[in-house]
Amino acid sequence: MHGQARLQDETVGGYLDRLAARLPAPGGGAAAALHAAQGAALLGMVARYSTGEKYAAQAAAIARITAESDELRSAALDLAAADAAAFTAVTDAYGLPRADEAQKAARSAAIAEALAGAARPPADVIGVAGRIVALAEELLPIGNPNVVSDVAAAAEAARAAATTGRVNVEINLAGIKDPATRAALSASTDDVDPLAERATAVTEAVRRSLTR
């Protein structure tokens, strides 16, 4: 990250200052990954409040959800850093010289490669978000009802991660020359709308439970 502290080692304020600055990165892609990280963290919290004798019958599932949510949180933070690095590579590629045809060709190839690299972290964020929604669906009926609103918060964070990730995949597609790479990255966005609908269903189920 060009000498910057690891994202997970920054203060929240420091990260937000960098996000607000006139800098190429971090940007929307890193924000998408952090949405996912927050969603995973919220599930981890709910799972940790769902232990003890009262939840003994679900202990194995709760333990698995706890472990997976921690893994997803770590993966999302790694993707935030990868997104920032990949976007910096794009700006570096656009800055390459183009004084003659050879330089122009090399620059174009570097840009296409960098754009493909920039689309991969948000595509992976969509996958992480899908796993978070699946865990939210599983945790909702077995988790501690006193923190059930946080399951909805996790689902909404995952939805934001997925929809933001999709935009950050799509913005890079036009400059990618290889058809197979374009197709694979485009396909990564296919599940975003169904995922968002599932997140909505989790939130609505939580809201209904709060009015009983």
Protein backbone atom coordinates (compact mmCIF):
# COMPACT_ATOMS: atom_id res chain seq x y z
CA MET A 1 0.00 0.00 0.00
CA HIS A 2 2.89 2.32 -0.84
CA GLY A 3 4.16 2.76 2.69
CA GLN A 4 0.74 3.12 4.26
CA ALA A 5 -0.19 1.08 7.30
CA ARG A 6 -2.20 -2.04 6.67
CA LEU A 7 -5.86 -1.15 6.51
CA GLN A 8 -6.62 -3.22 9.59
CA ASP A 9 -3.94 -1.32 11.51
CA GLU A 10 -5.27 2.15 10.66
CA THR A 11 -7.62 4.15 12.79
CA VAL A 12 -11.13 4.51 11.41
CA GLY A 13 -10.55 8.25 11.17
CA GLY A 14 -7.27 7.81 9.32
CA TYR A 15 -8.86 5.49 6.77
CA LEU A 16 -11.77 7.89 6.24
CA ASP A 17 -9.36 10.78 5.78
CA ARG A 18 -7.61 8.84 3.01
CA LEU A 19 -10.95 7.83 1.49
CA ALA A 20 -12.02 11.48 1.38
CA ALA A 21 -8.70 12.73 -0.02
CA ARG A 22 -7.97 13.45 -3.67
CA LEU A 23 -6.09 10.18 -4.05
CA PRO A 24 -6.65 7.31 -6.50
CA ALA A 25 -7.00 4.79 -3.68
CA PRO A 26 -8.68 3.80 -1.46
CA GLY A 27 -11.98 4.29 -3.21
CA GLY A 28 -15.26 2.54 -3.80
CA GLY A 29 -13.70 -0.88 -4.20
CA ALA A 30 -12.02 -0.72 -0.81
CA ALA A 31 -15.27 0.57 0.67
CA ALA A 32 -17.11 -2.43 -0.78
CA ALA A 33 -14.63 -4.77 0.86
CA LEU A 34 -15.00 -3.00 4.19
CA HIS A 35 -18.79 -3.31 3.94
CA ALA A 36 -18.20 -7.05 3.67
CA ALA A 37 -15.73 -7.06 6.56
CA GLN A 38 -18.24 -5.29 8.78
CA GLY A 39 -20.96 -7.73 7.80
CA ALA A 40 -18.75 -10.67 8.68
CA ALA A 41 -17.76 -9.06 11.99
CA LEU A 42 -21.38 -8.51 12.93
CA LEU A 43 -22.15 -12.18 12.31
CA GLY A 44 -19.18 -13.14 14.45
CA MET A 45 -20.54 -11.00 17.26
CA VAL A 46 -24.02 -12.52 17.04
CA ALA A 47 -22.55 -16.01 16.98
CA ARG A 48 -20.45 -15.29 20.06
CA TYR A 49 -23.59 -14.15 21.87
CA SER A 50 -25.27 -17.44 20.90
CA THR A 51 -23.32 -19.86 23.10
CA GLY A 52 -23.91 -21.65 26.37
CA GLU A 53 -26.47 -24.10 27.65
CA LYS A 54 -29.42 -22.37 25.98
CA TYR A 55 -27.81 -22.87 22.55
CA ALA A 56 -26.24 -26.27 23.16
CA ALA A 57 -28.24 -27.96 20.41
CA GLN A 58 -26.81 -25.51 17.86
CA ALA A 59 -23.28 -25.45 19.27
CA ALA A 60 -21.64 -27.10 16.26
CA ALA A 61 -23.36 -24.79 13.79
CA ILE A 62 -22.57 -21.73 15.89
CA ALA A 63 -18.91 -22.72 16.15
CA ARG A 64 -18.70 -23.18 12.37
CA ILE A 65 -20.42 -19.86 11.69
CA THR A 66 -18.08 -18.11 14.13
CA ALA A 67 -15.00 -19.54 12.42
CA GLU A 68 -16.24 -18.83 8.91
CA SER A 69 -17.28 -15.28 9.74
CA ASP A 70 -13.79 -14.63 11.12
CA GLU A 71 -12.25 -16.05 7.94
CA LEU A 72 -14.51 -13.89 5.78
CA ARG A 73 -13.64 -10.78 7.78
CA SER A 74 -9.94 -11.43 7.21
CA ALA A 75 -10.50 -12.17 3.52
CA ALA A 76 -12.48 -8.96 3.06
CA LEU A 77 -9.73 -6.88 4.66
CA ASP A 78 -7.19 -8.49 2.35
CA LEU A 79 -9.44 -7.62 -0.61
CA ALA A 80 -9.65 -4.00 0.52
CA ALA A 81 -5.86 -3.79 0.41
CA ALA A 82 -5.74 -5.66 -2.91
CA ASP A 83 -8.28 -3.27 -4.41
CA ALA A 84 -6.29 -0.21 -3.39
CA ALA A 85 -3.10 -1.70 -4.84
CA ALA A 86 -4.83 -2.74 -8.06
CA PHE A 87 -6.35 0.68 -8.61
CA THR A 88 -2.98 2.32 -8.05
CA ALA A 89 -1.62 0.01 -10.77
CA VAL A 90 -4.29 1.34 -13.15
CA THR A 91 -3.30 4.94 -12.56
CA ASP A 92 0.36 3.99 -13.00
CA ALA A 93 -0.46 2.30 -16.32
CA TYR A 94 -2.28 5.37 -17.61
CA GLY A 95 0.83 7.39 -16.75
CA LEU A 96 3.14 5.35 -19.00
CA PRO A 97 4.78 7.19 -21.93
CA ARG A 98 3.19 7.16 -25.38
CA ALA A 99 5.69 9.03 -27.52
CA ASP A 100 5.75 6.44 -30.32
CA GLU A 101 3.74 3.47 -31.55
CA ALA A 102 5.73 0.95 -29.52
CA GLN A 103 5.18 2.90 -26.33
CA LYS A 104 1.49 3.36 -27.16
CA ALA A 105 1.07 -0.38 -27.70
CA ALA A 106 2.89 -1.19 -24.46
CA ARG A 107 0.79 1.37 -22.59
CA SER A 108 -2.46 -0.02 -23.98
CA ALA A 109 -1.48 -3.56 -23.00
CA ALA A 110 -0.49 -2.42 -19.52
CA ILE A 111 -3.78 -0.57 -19.08
CA ALA A 112 -5.82 -3.59 -20.17
CA GLU A 113 -3.89 -5.84 -17.79
CA ALA A 114 -4.24 -3.36 -14.93
CA LEU A 115 -7.99 -2.99 -15.51
CA ALA A 116 -8.42 -6.75 -15.40
CA GLY A 117 -6.47 -6.79 -12.16
CA ALA A 118 -8.61 -3.97 -10.76
CA ALA A 119 -11.82 -5.87 -11.51
CA ARG A 120 -10.77 -9.01 -9.66
CA PRO A 121 -10.89 -7.77 -6.03
CA PRO A 122 -14.45 -6.41 -6.31
CA ALA A 123 -15.48 -9.62 -8.09
CA ASP A 124 -14.09 -11.56 -5.14
CA VAL A 125 -15.88 -9.19 -2.73
CA ILE A 126 -19.17 -10.23 -4.36
CA GLY A 127 -18.32 -13.85 -3.58
CA VAL A 128 -17.51 -13.00 0.04
CA ALA A 129 -20.76 -11.06 0.34
CA GLY A 130 -22.70 -14.09 -0.91
CA ARG A 131 -21.17 -16.25 1.80
CA ILE A 132 -22.03 -13.64 4.44
CA VAL A 133 -25.67 -13.58 3.36
CA ALA A 134 -25.78 -17.38 3.47
CA LEU A 135 -24.41 -17.33 7.02
CA ALA A 136 -26.93 -14.66 8.01
CA GLU A 137 -29.73 -16.87 6.70
CA GLU A 138 -28.41 -19.78 8.73
CA LEU A 139 -27.76 -17.79 11.91
CA LEU A 140 -31.07 -15.94 11.97
CA PRO A 141 -33.26 -18.80 13.28
CA ILE A 142 -30.71 -20.15 15.76
CA GLY A 143 -28.91 -17.06 17.03
CA ASN A 144 -29.53 -15.04 20.16
CA PRO A 145 -32.73 -13.03 19.58
CA ASN A 146 -31.40 -10.21 21.74
CA VAL A 147 -28.94 -9.31 18.97
CA VAL A 148 -31.08 -10.29 16.01
CA SER A 149 -30.98 -6.74 14.61
CA ASP A 150 -27.28 -7.26 14.01
CA VAL A 151 -28.04 -10.16 11.68
CA ALA A 152 -30.02 -7.69 9.58
CA ALA A 153 -27.16 -5.21 9.81
CA ALA A 154 -24.80 -7.90 8.54
CA ALA A 155 -27.12 -8.74 5.64
CA GLU A 156 -27.41 -5.08 4.69
CA ALA A 157 -23.63 -4.63 4.84
CA ALA A 158 -23.22 -7.66 2.58
CA ARG A 159 -25.79 -6.26 0.17
CA ALA A 160 -23.88 -2.97 -0.01
CA ALA A 161 -20.65 -4.88 -0.56
CA ALA A 162 -22.13 -6.85 -3.44
CA THR A 163 -23.86 -3.97 -5.22
CA THR A 164 -20.83 -1.71 -4.83
CA GLY A 165 -18.54 -4.51 -5.94
CA ARG A 166 -20.65 -4.96 -9.08
CA VAL A 167 -20.25 -1.31 -10.06
CA ASN A 168 -16.50 -1.58 -9.55
CA VAL A 169 -16.31 -4.68 -11.75
CA GLU A 170 -18.41 -3.10 -14.48
CA ILE A 171 -16.45 0.15 -14.64
CA ASN A 172 -13.32 -1.81 -15.59
CA LEU A 173 -14.86 -4.15 -18.17
CA ALA A 174 -14.82 -1.78 -21.14
CA GLY A 175 -11.03 -1.54 -21.16
CA ILE A 176 -10.37 -5.28 -20.87
CA LYS A 177 -9.43 -6.73 -24.25
CA ASP A 178 -9.40 -10.48 -23.60
CA PRO A 179 -12.92 -11.89 -24.21
CA ALA A 180 -12.50 -14.78 -21.76
CA THR A 181 -11.37 -12.45 -18.99
CA ARG A 182 -14.25 -10.08 -19.70
CA ALA A 183 -16.76 -12.92 -19.68
CA ALA A 184 -15.48 -14.37 -16.42
CA LEU A 185 -15.52 -11.02 -14.66
CA SER A 186 -18.95 -10.16 -16.03
CA ALA A 187 -20.29 -13.52 -14.83
CA SER A 188 -19.13 -12.67 -11.30
CA THR A 189 -21.89 -10.07 -11.13
CA ASP A 190 -24.72 -12.37 -12.18
CA ASP A 191 -25.72 -13.30 -8.65
CA VAL A 192 -25.81 -9.78 -7.23
CA ASP A 193 -29.53 -9.14 -7.70
CA PRO A 194 -30.59 -12.50 -6.20
CA LEU A 195 -28.11 -11.93 -3.37
CA ALA A 196 -29.60 -8.50 -2.68
CA GLU A 197 -33.08 -10.03 -2.61
CA ARG A 198 -31.93 -12.62 -0.09
CA ALA A 199 -30.42 -9.89 2.07
CA THR A 200 -33.73 -8.04 1.95
CA ALA A 201 -35.53 -11.19 3.02
CA VAL A 202 -33.24 -11.54 6.05
CA THR A 203 -33.85 -7.92 7.05
CA GLU A 204 -37.60 -8.24 6.61
CA ALA A 205 -37.64 -11.41 8.71
CA VAL A 206 -35.75 -9.59 11.45
CA ARG A 207 -38.14 -6.66 11.32
CA ARG A 208 -41.14 -8.95 11.60
CA SER A 209 -39.59 -10.63 14.64
CA LEU A 210 -39.18 -7.26 16.33
CA THR A 211 -42.90 -6.46 16.14
CA ARG A 212 -44.13 -9.71 17.66
